[in-house]
Amino acid sequence: MSASFPDDELNKTNYFIQLIYPADKGTVESLKNKYDELKLLFEKSARKQIVVYILFVNGIKGQHDNAPGYYSFDLLEGLDANNYKTIMP
C-alpha cells in the first residue's frame, strides 16, 4: 500500500544549524554576506521556509561579553547582526 501525502504544512519548514567556534566581528559579517548570496538562489514563489541557526560556541570575540549565543533567522529574510541571543547557563 502506498501512502499519499497532500501539500502538508508539516513539510514546509526546513532547519539548518551551523556551529562556529572561533569568531569575531569579521566572521559575522562574512556569514551575513554568504547567506545574503545564498538567499538569491531561491525563488520566493516556490519557497519553503528555511530557518537557520548559527551557534557561536565560544561567543564572538570582543562582542556580547564573549558569551556563547546564536542567531536565528529565516534564510530569505536574512541575518540581522543586531539580533544576537546570548545563551545563559
PDB file of N, CA and C in Angstrom:
ATOM      1  N   MET A   1       0.841  -1.163   0.000  1.00  0.00           N
ATOM      2  CA  MET A   1       0.000   0.000   0.000  1.00  0.00           C
ATOM      3  C   MET A   1       0.897   1.240   0.000  1.00  0.00           C
ATOM      4  N   SER A   2       0.620   2.147  -0.883  1.00  0.00           N
ATOM      5  CA  SER A   2       1.411   3.377  -0.920  1.00  0.00           C
ATOM      6  C   SER A   2       0.638   4.507  -0.258  1.00  0.00           C
ATOM      7  N   ALA A   3       1.362   5.349   0.407  1.00  0.00           N
ATOM      8  CA  ALA A   3       0.740   6.479   1.097  1.00  0.00           C
ATOM      9  C   ALA A   3       0.854   7.717   0.228  1.00  0.00           C
ATOM     10  N   SER A   4      -0.155   8.505   0.250  1.00  0.00           N
ATOM     11  CA  SER A   4      -0.141   9.752  -0.498  1.00  0.00           C
ATOM     12  C   SER A   4      -0.175  10.896   0.513  1.00  0.00           C
ATOM     13  N   PHE A   5       0.725  11.850   0.345  1.00  0.00           N
ATOM     14  CA  PHE A   5       0.795  12.981   1.269  1.00  0.00           C
ATOM     15  C   PHE A   5       0.397  14.250   0.542  1.00  0.00           C
ATOM     16  N   PRO A   6      -0.706  14.855   0.941  1.00  0.00           N
ATOM     17  CA  PRO A   6      -1.109  16.121   0.321  1.00  0.00           C
ATOM     18  C   PRO A   6      -0.100  17.215   0.669  1.00  0.00           C
ATOM     19  N   ASP A   7      -0.273  18.372   0.091  1.00  0.00           N
ATOM     20  CA  ASP A   7       0.615  19.503   0.389  1.00  0.00           C
ATOM     21  C   ASP A   7       0.513  19.814   1.874  1.00  0.00           C
ATOM     22  N   ASP A   8       1.364  19.220   2.628  1.00  0.00           N
ATOM     23  CA  ASP A   8       1.303  19.157   4.080  1.00  0.00           C
ATOM     24  C   ASP A   8       2.088  20.292   4.725  1.00  0.00           C
ATOM     25  N   GLU A   9       1.474  21.035   5.623  1.00  0.00           N
ATOM     26  CA  GLU A   9       2.138  22.126   6.335  1.00  0.00           C
ATOM     27  C   GLU A   9       3.359  21.643   7.115  1.00  0.00           C
ATOM     28  N   LEU A  10       3.344  20.392   7.541  1.00  0.00           N
ATOM     29  CA  LEU A  10       4.454  19.881   8.348  1.00  0.00           C
ATOM     30  C   LEU A  10       5.743  19.756   7.559  1.00  0.00           C
ATOM     31  N   ASN A  11       5.672  19.740   6.245  1.00  0.00           N
ATOM     32  CA  ASN A  11       6.869  19.562   5.429  1.00  0.00           C
ATOM     33  C   ASN A  11       7.356  20.856   4.793  1.00  0.00           C
ATOM     34  N   LYS A  12       6.899  21.989   5.276  1.00  0.00           N
ATOM     35  CA  LYS A  12       7.257  23.259   4.651  1.00  0.00           C
ATOM     36  C   LYS A  12       8.381  24.002   5.353  1.00  0.00           C
ATOM     37  N   THR A  13       8.770  23.575   6.520  1.00  0.00           N
ATOM     38  CA  THR A  13       9.849  24.248   7.230  1.00  0.00           C
ATOM     39  C   THR A  13      11.061  23.338   7.291  1.00  0.00           C
ATOM     40  N   ASN A  14      12.208  23.881   6.924  1.00  0.00           N
ATOM     41  CA  ASN A  14      13.472  23.169   6.982  1.00  0.00           C
ATOM     42  C   ASN A  14      14.392  23.934   7.927  1.00  0.00           C
ATOM     43  N   TYR A  15      15.297  23.208   8.557  1.00  0.00           N
ATOM     44  CA  TYR A  15      16.216  23.828   9.508  1.00  0.00           C
ATOM     45  C   TYR A  15      17.652  23.551   9.102  1.00  0.00           C
ATOM     46  N   PHE A  16      18.507  24.553   9.293  1.00  0.00           N
ATOM     47  CA  PHE A  16      19.929  24.403   9.046  1.00  0.00           C
ATOM     48  C   PHE A  16      20.648  24.947  10.272  1.00  0.00           C
ATOM     49  N   ILE A  17      21.548  24.161  10.830  1.00  0.00           N
ATOM     50  CA  ILE A  17      22.292  24.563  12.036  1.00  0.00           C
ATOM     51  C   ILE A  17      23.771  24.592  11.693  1.00  0.00           C
ATOM     52  N   GLN A  18      24.434  25.698  12.044  1.00  0.00           N
ATOM     53  CA  GLN A  18      25.863  25.850  11.807  1.00  0.00           C
ATOM     54  C   GLN A  18      26.534  26.181  13.133  1.00  0.00           C
ATOM     55  N   LEU A  19      27.585  25.428  13.469  1.00  0.00           N
ATOM     56  CA  LEU A  19      28.349  25.675  14.692  1.00  0.00           C
ATOM     57  C   LEU A  19      29.631  26.417  14.338  1.00  0.00           C
ATOM     58  N   ILE A  20      29.908  27.500  15.060  1.00  0.00           N
ATOM     59  CA  ILE A  20      31.113  28.297  14.846  1.00  0.00           C
ATOM     60  C   ILE A  20      31.886  28.321  16.162  1.00  0.00           C
ATOM     61  N   TYR A  21      33.166  28.023  16.098  1.00  0.00           N
ATOM     62  CA  TYR A  21      33.976  28.027  17.320  1.00  0.00           C
ATOM     63  C   TYR A  21      34.765  29.325  17.450  1.00  0.00           C
ATOM     64  N   PRO A  22      35.830  29.568  16.701  1.00  0.00           N
ATOM     65  CA  PRO A  22      36.470  30.879  16.841  1.00  0.00           C
ATOM     66  C   PRO A  22      35.706  31.880  15.986  1.00  0.00           C
ATOM     67  N   ALA A  23      35.366  33.034  16.557  1.00  0.00           N
ATOM     68  CA  ALA A  23      34.615  34.037  15.794  1.00  0.00           C
ATOM     69  C   ALA A  23      34.929  35.435  16.291  1.00  0.00           C
ATOM     70  N   ASP A  24      34.881  36.386  15.360  1.00  0.00           N
ATOM     71  CA  ASP A  24      34.990  37.798  15.704  1.00  0.00           C
ATOM     72  C   ASP A  24      34.003  38.558  14.834  1.00  0.00           C
ATOM     73  N   LYS A  25      34.034  39.880  14.888  1.00  0.00           N
ATOM     74  CA  LYS A  25      33.082  40.683  14.132  1.00  0.00           C
ATOM     75  C   LYS A  25      33.170  40.396  12.629  1.00  0.00           C
ATOM     76  N   GLY A  26      34.373  40.139  12.137  1.00  0.00           N
ATOM     77  CA  GLY A  26      34.566  39.830  10.716  1.00  0.00           C
ATOM     78  C   GLY A  26      33.888  38.526  10.319  1.00  0.00           C
ATOM     79  N   THR A  27      33.858  37.567  11.244  1.00  0.00           N
ATOM     80  CA  THR A  27      33.189  36.291  10.985  1.00  0.00           C
ATOM     81  C   THR A  27      31.703  36.519  10.754  1.00  0.00           C
ATOM     82  N   VAL A  28      31.099  37.336  11.592  1.00  0.00           N
ATOM     83  CA  VAL A  28      29.665  37.619  11.476  1.00  0.00           C
ATOM     84  C   VAL A  28      29.371  38.306  10.149  1.00  0.00           C
ATOM     85  N   GLU A  29      30.175  39.284   9.777  1.00  0.00           N
ATOM     86  CA  GLU A  29      29.962  39.999   8.514  1.00  0.00           C
ATOM     87  C   GLU A  29      30.122  39.057   7.318  1.00  0.00           C
ATOM     88  N   SER A  30      31.107  38.171   7.377  1.00  0.00           N
ATOM     89  CA  SER A  30      31.314  37.197   6.309  1.00  0.00           C
ATOM     90  C   SER A  30      30.125  36.246   6.176  1.00  0.00           C
ATOM     91  N   LEU A  31      29.615  35.763   7.313  1.00  0.00           N
ATOM     92  CA  LEU A  31      28.450  34.874   7.291  1.00  0.00           C
ATOM     93  C   LEU A  31      27.231  35.595   6.733  1.00  0.00           C
ATOM     94  N   LYS A  32      27.031  36.848   7.141  1.00  0.00           N
ATOM     95  CA  LYS A  32      25.894  37.624   6.641  1.00  0.00           C
ATOM     96  C   LYS A  32      25.961  37.736   5.120  1.00  0.00           C
ATOM     97  N   ASN A  33      27.132  38.057   4.576  1.00  0.00           N
ATOM     98  CA  ASN A  33      27.304  38.177   3.125  1.00  0.00           C
ATOM     99  C   ASN A  33      27.043  36.849   2.412  1.00  0.00           C
ATOM    100  N   LYS A  34      27.537  35.763   2.977  1.00  0.00           N
ATOM    101  CA  LYS A  34      27.340  34.443   2.356  1.00  0.00           C
ATOM    102  C   LYS A  34      25.869  34.045   2.350  1.00  0.00           C
ATOM    103  N   TYR A  35      25.158  34.279   3.441  1.00  0.00           N
ATOM    104  CA  TYR A  35      23.737  33.944   3.489  1.00  0.00           C
ATOM    105  C   TYR A  35      22.922  34.866   2.577  1.00  0.00           C
ATOM    106  N   ASP A  36      23.331  36.134   2.440  1.00  0.00           N
ATOM    107  CA  ASP A  36      22.650  37.038   1.511  1.00  0.00           C
ATOM    108  C   ASP A  36      22.797  36.545   0.069  1.00  0.00           C
ATOM    109  N   GLU A  37      23.981  36.041  -0.292  1.00  0.00           N
ATOM    110  CA  GLU A  37      24.194  35.479  -1.629  1.00  0.00           C
ATOM    111  C   GLU A  37      23.369  34.210  -1.823  1.00  0.00           C
ATOM    112  N   LEU A  38      23.302  33.375  -0.803  1.00  0.00           N
ATOM    113  CA  LEU A  38      22.573  32.116  -0.893  1.00  0.00           C
ATOM    114  C   LEU A  38      21.080  32.328  -1.084  1.00  0.00           C
ATOM    115  N   LYS A  39      20.523  33.305  -0.399  1.00  0.00           N
ATOM    116  CA  LYS A  39      19.075  33.511  -0.496  1.00  0.00           C
ATOM    117  C   LYS A  39      18.649  33.930  -1.899  1.00  0.00           C
ATOM    118  N   LEU A  40      19.569  34.485  -2.687  1.00  0.00           N
ATOM    119  CA  LEU A  40      19.249  34.874  -4.057  1.00  0.00           C
ATOM    120  C   LEU A  40      18.989  33.663  -4.955  1.00  0.00           C
ATOM    121  N   LEU A  41      19.434  32.473  -4.528  1.00  0.00           N
ATOM    122  CA  LEU A  41      19.255  31.260  -5.322  1.00  0.00           C
ATOM    123  C   LEU A  41      17.860  30.659  -5.207  1.00  0.00           C
ATOM    124  N   PHE A  42      17.081  31.125  -4.247  1.00  0.00           N
ATOM    125  CA  PHE A  42      15.757  30.558  -4.014  1.00  0.00           C
ATOM    126  C   PHE A  42      14.675  31.468  -4.586  1.00  0.00           C
ATOM    127  N   GLU A  43      13.708  30.863  -5.260  1.00  0.00           N
ATOM    128  CA  GLU A  43      12.577  31.625  -5.774  1.00  0.00           C
ATOM    129  C   GLU A  43      11.569  31.813  -4.648  1.00  0.00           C
ATOM    130  N   LYS A  44      11.164  33.034  -4.419  1.00  0.00           N
ATOM    131  CA  LYS A  44      10.221  33.305  -3.338  1.00  0.00           C
ATOM    132  C   LYS A  44       8.866  32.648  -3.569  1.00  0.00           C
ATOM    133  N   SER A  45       8.415  32.543  -4.810  1.00  0.00           N
ATOM    134  CA  SER A  45       7.091  31.984  -5.070  1.00  0.00           C
ATOM    135  C   SER A  45       7.024  30.490  -4.765  1.00  0.00           C
ATOM    136  N   ALA A  46       8.133  29.785  -4.912  1.00  0.00           N
ATOM    137  CA  ALA A  46       8.139  28.341  -4.683  1.00  0.00           C
ATOM    138  C   ALA A  46       8.861  27.984  -3.393  1.00  0.00           C
ATOM    139  N   ARG A  47       8.964  28.918  -2.508  1.00  0.00           N
ATOM    140  CA  ARG A  47       9.829  28.733  -1.350  1.00  0.00           C
ATOM    141  C   ARG A  47       9.207  27.896  -0.240  1.00  0.00           C
ATOM    142  N   LYS A  48      10.077  27.234   0.429  1.00  0.00           N
ATOM    143  CA  LYS A  48       9.766  26.645   1.717  1.00  0.00           C
ATOM    144  C   LYS A  48      10.495  27.519   2.724  1.00  0.00           C
ATOM    145  N   GLN A  49      10.057  27.488   3.939  1.00  0.00           N
ATOM    146  CA  GLN A  49      10.751  28.271   4.959  1.00  0.00           C
ATOM    147  C   GLN A  49      12.018  27.525   5.351  1.00  0.00           C
ATOM    148  N   ILE A  50      13.120  28.237   5.367  1.00  0.00           N
ATOM    149  CA  ILE A  50      14.396  27.662   5.803  1.00  0.00           C
ATOM    150  C   ILE A  50      14.863  28.486   6.998  1.00  0.00           C
ATOM    151  N   VAL A  51      14.797  27.880   8.179  1.00  0.00           N
ATOM    152  CA  VAL A  51      15.205  28.546   9.403  1.00  0.00           C
ATOM    153  C   VAL A  51      16.664  28.173   9.673  1.00  0.00           C
ATOM    154  N   VAL A  52      17.498  29.185   9.837  1.00  0.00           N
ATOM    155  CA  VAL A  52      18.933  28.992  10.047  1.00  0.00           C
ATOM    156  C   VAL A  52      19.274  29.346  11.489  1.00  0.00           C
ATOM    157  N   TYR A  53      20.031  28.468  12.126  1.00  0.00           N
ATOM    158  CA  TYR A  53      20.581  28.726  13.460  1.00  0.00           C
ATOM    159  C   TYR A  53      22.092  28.724  13.329  1.00  0.00           C
ATOM    160  N   ILE A  54      22.746  29.803  13.745  1.00  0.00           N
ATOM    161  CA  ILE A  54      24.205  29.858  13.777  1.00  0.00           C
ATOM    162  C   ILE A  54      24.596  29.967  15.245  1.00  0.00           C
ATOM    163  N   LEU A  55      25.223  28.934  15.757  1.00  0.00           N
ATOM    164  CA  LEU A  55      25.608  28.876  17.162  1.00  0.00           C
ATOM    165  C   LEU A  55      27.090  29.220  17.310  1.00  0.00           C
ATOM    166  N   PHE A  56      27.366  30.241  18.108  1.00  0.00           N
ATOM    167  CA  PHE A  56      28.741  30.649  18.406  1.00  0.00           C
ATOM    168  C   PHE A  56      29.104  30.038  19.759  1.00  0.00           C
ATOM    169  N   VAL A  57      29.768  28.909  19.701  1.00  0.00           N
ATOM    170  CA  VAL A  57      30.051  28.111  20.894  1.00  0.00           C
ATOM    171  C   VAL A  57      30.878  28.880  21.915  1.00  0.00           C
ATOM    172  N   ASN A  58      31.866  29.637  21.451  1.00  0.00           N
ATOM    173  CA  ASN A  58      32.722  30.409  22.348  1.00  0.00           C
ATOM    174  C   ASN A  58      32.398  31.895  22.311  1.00  0.00           C
ATOM    175  N   GLY A  59      31.240  32.251  21.814  1.00  0.00           N
ATOM    176  CA  GLY A  59      30.865  33.653  21.693  1.00  0.00           C
ATOM    177  C   GLY A  59      31.564  34.316  20.524  1.00  0.00           C
ATOM    178  N   ILE A  60      31.474  35.627  20.466  1.00  0.00           N
ATOM    179  CA  ILE A  60      32.110  36.418  19.415  1.00  0.00           C
ATOM    180  C   ILE A  60      33.126  37.331  20.085  1.00  0.00           C
ATOM    181  N   LYS A  61      34.378  37.163  19.731  1.00  0.00           N
ATOM    182  CA  LYS A  61      35.463  37.909  20.368  1.00  0.00           C
ATOM    183  C   LYS A  61      35.209  39.416  20.318  1.00  0.00           C
ATOM    184  N   GLY A  62      35.226  40.032  21.503  1.00  0.00           N
ATOM    185  CA  GLY A  62      35.051  41.468  21.603  1.00  0.00           C
ATOM    186  C   GLY A  62      33.607  41.945  21.567  1.00  0.00           C
ATOM    187  N   GLN A  63      32.654  41.017  21.504  1.00  0.00           N
ATOM    188  CA  GLN A  63      31.243  41.411  21.468  1.00  0.00           C
ATOM    189  C   GLN A  63      30.441  40.546  22.422  1.00  0.00           C
ATOM    190  N   HIS A  64      29.374  41.103  22.936  1.00  0.00           N
ATOM    191  CA  HIS A  64      28.430  40.365  23.781  1.00  0.00           C
ATOM    192  C   HIS A  64      29.137  39.674  24.953  1.00  0.00           C
ATOM    193  N   ASP A  65      30.157  40.314  25.495  1.00  0.00           N
ATOM    194  CA  ASP A  65      30.928  39.780  26.628  1.00  0.00           C
ATOM    195  C   ASP A  65      31.491  38.387  26.341  1.00  0.00           C
ATOM    196  N   ASN A  66      31.759  38.103  25.068  1.00  0.00           N
ATOM    197  CA  ASN A  66      32.291  36.799  24.649  1.00  0.00           C
ATOM    198  C   ASN A  66      31.415  35.640  25.097  1.00  0.00           C
ATOM    199  N   ALA A  67      30.139  35.893  25.368  1.00  0.00           N
ATOM    200  CA  ALA A  67      29.224  34.847  25.838  1.00  0.00           C
ATOM    201  C   ALA A  67      28.741  34.003  24.661  1.00  0.00           C
ATOM    202  N   PRO A  68      28.641  32.690  24.864  1.00  0.00           N
ATOM    203  CA  PRO A  68      28.074  31.841  23.813  1.00  0.00           C
ATOM    204  C   PRO A  68      26.670  32.324  23.467  1.00  0.00           C
ATOM    205  N   GLY A  69      26.313  32.191  22.204  1.00  0.00           N
ATOM    206  CA  GLY A  69      24.999  32.625  21.774  1.00  0.00           C
ATOM    207  C   GLY A  69      24.716  32.189  20.354  1.00  0.00           C
ATOM    208  N   TYR A  70      23.647  32.737  19.792  1.00  0.00           N
ATOM    209  CA  TYR A  70      23.248  32.309  18.453  1.00  0.00           C
ATOM    210  C   TYR A  70      22.428  33.375  17.741  1.00  0.00           C
ATOM    211  N   TYR A  71      22.355  33.206  16.434  1.00  0.00           N
ATOM    212  CA  TYR A  71      21.436  33.941  15.583  1.00  0.00           C
ATOM    213  C   TYR A  71      20.430  32.931  15.056  1.00  0.00           C
ATOM    214  N   SER A  72      19.195  33.325  14.947  1.00  0.00           N
ATOM    215  CA  SER A  72      18.138  32.504  14.357  1.00  0.00           C
ATOM    216  C   SER A  72      17.389  33.397  13.375  1.00  0.00           C
ATOM    217  N   PHE A  73      17.244  32.927  12.120  1.00  0.00           N
ATOM    218  CA  PHE A  73      16.576  33.754  11.120  1.00  0.00           C
ATOM    219  C   PHE A  73      16.060  32.905   9.968  1.00  0.00           C
ATOM    220  N   ASP A  74      15.066  33.436   9.274  1.00  0.00           N
ATOM    221  CA  ASP A  74      14.574  32.827   8.044  1.00  0.00           C
ATOM    222  C   ASP A  74      15.580  33.206   6.953  1.00  0.00           C
ATOM    223  N   LEU A  75      16.047  32.241   6.187  1.00  0.00           N
ATOM    224  CA  LEU A  75      17.063  32.495   5.174  1.00  0.00           C
ATOM    225  C   LEU A  75      16.673  33.632   4.243  1.00  0.00           C
ATOM    226  N   LEU A  76      15.409  33.677   3.807  1.00  0.00           N
ATOM    227  CA  LEU A  76      15.006  34.700   2.848  1.00  0.00           C
ATOM    228  C   LEU A  76      14.837  36.078   3.478  1.00  0.00           C
ATOM    229  N   GLU A  77      14.802  36.147   4.790  1.00  0.00           N
ATOM    230  CA  GLU A  77      14.754  37.453   5.456  1.00  0.00           C
ATOM    231  C   GLU A  77      16.161  37.954   5.763  1.00  0.00           C
ATOM    232  N   GLY A  78      17.113  37.060   5.869  1.00  0.00           N
ATOM    233  CA  GLY A  78      18.499  37.430   6.101  1.00  0.00           C
ATOM    234  C   GLY A  78      18.870  37.526   7.569  1.00  0.00           C
ATOM    235  N   LEU A  79      20.157  37.526   7.801  1.00  0.00           N
ATOM    236  CA  LEU A  79      20.710  37.585   9.148  1.00  0.00           C
ATOM    237  C   LEU A  79      20.759  39.038   9.616  1.00  0.00           C
ATOM    238  N   ASP A  80      20.200  39.316  10.774  1.00  0.00           N
ATOM    239  CA  ASP A  80      20.268  40.639  11.394  1.00  0.00           C
ATOM    240  C   ASP A  80      21.371  40.576  12.448  1.00  0.00           C
ATOM    241  N   ALA A  81      22.502  41.215  12.170  1.00  0.00           N
ATOM    242  CA  ALA A  81      23.668  41.140  13.062  1.00  0.00           C
ATOM    243  C   ALA A  81      23.396  41.731  14.439  1.00  0.00           C
ATOM    244  N   ASN A  82      22.311  42.472  14.602  1.00  0.00           N
ATOM    245  CA  ASN A  82      21.963  43.044  15.904  1.00  0.00           C
ATOM    246  C   ASN A  82      21.066  42.128  16.725  1.00  0.00           C
ATOM    247  N   ASN A  83      20.709  40.979  16.192  1.00  0.00           N
ATOM    248  CA  ASN A  83      19.758  40.091  16.853  1.00  0.00           C
ATOM    249  C   ASN A  83      20.447  38.867  17.475  1.00  0.00           C
ATOM    250  N   TYR A  84      21.579  39.083  18.110  1.00  0.00           N
ATOM    251  CA  TYR A  84      22.338  38.014  18.770  1.00  0.00           C
ATOM    252  C   TYR A  84      21.648  37.655  20.079  1.00  0.00           C
ATOM    253  N   LYS A  85      21.443  36.376  20.278  1.00  0.00           N
ATOM    254  CA  LYS A  85      20.797  35.901  21.510  1.00  0.00           C
ATOM    255  C   LYS A  85      21.843  35.179  22.358  1.00  0.00           C
ATOM    256  N   THR A  86      22.119  35.704  23.530  1.00  0.00           N
ATOM    257  CA  THR A  86      23.097  35.110  24.431  1.00  0.00           C
ATOM    258  C   THR A  86      22.496  33.882  25.118  1.00  0.00           C
ATOM    259  N   ILE A  87      23.311  32.852  25.264  1.00  0.00           N
ATOM    260  CA  ILE A  87      22.885  31.643  25.969  1.00  0.00           C
ATOM    261  C   ILE A  87      23.343  31.765  27.418  1.00  0.00           C
ATOM    262  N   MET A  88      22.408  31.773  28.303  1.00  0.00           N
ATOM    263  CA  MET A  88      22.738  31.875  29.736  1.00  0.00           C
ATOM    264  C   MET A  88      22.862  30.474  30.331  1.00  0.00           C
ATOM    265  N   PRO A  89      23.832  30.308  31.256  1.00  0.00           N
ATOM    266  CA  PRO A  89      23.994  28.988  31.884  1.00  0.00           C
ATOM    267  C   PRO A  89      22.828  28.647  32.803  1.00  0.00           C
TER     268      PRO A  89
END
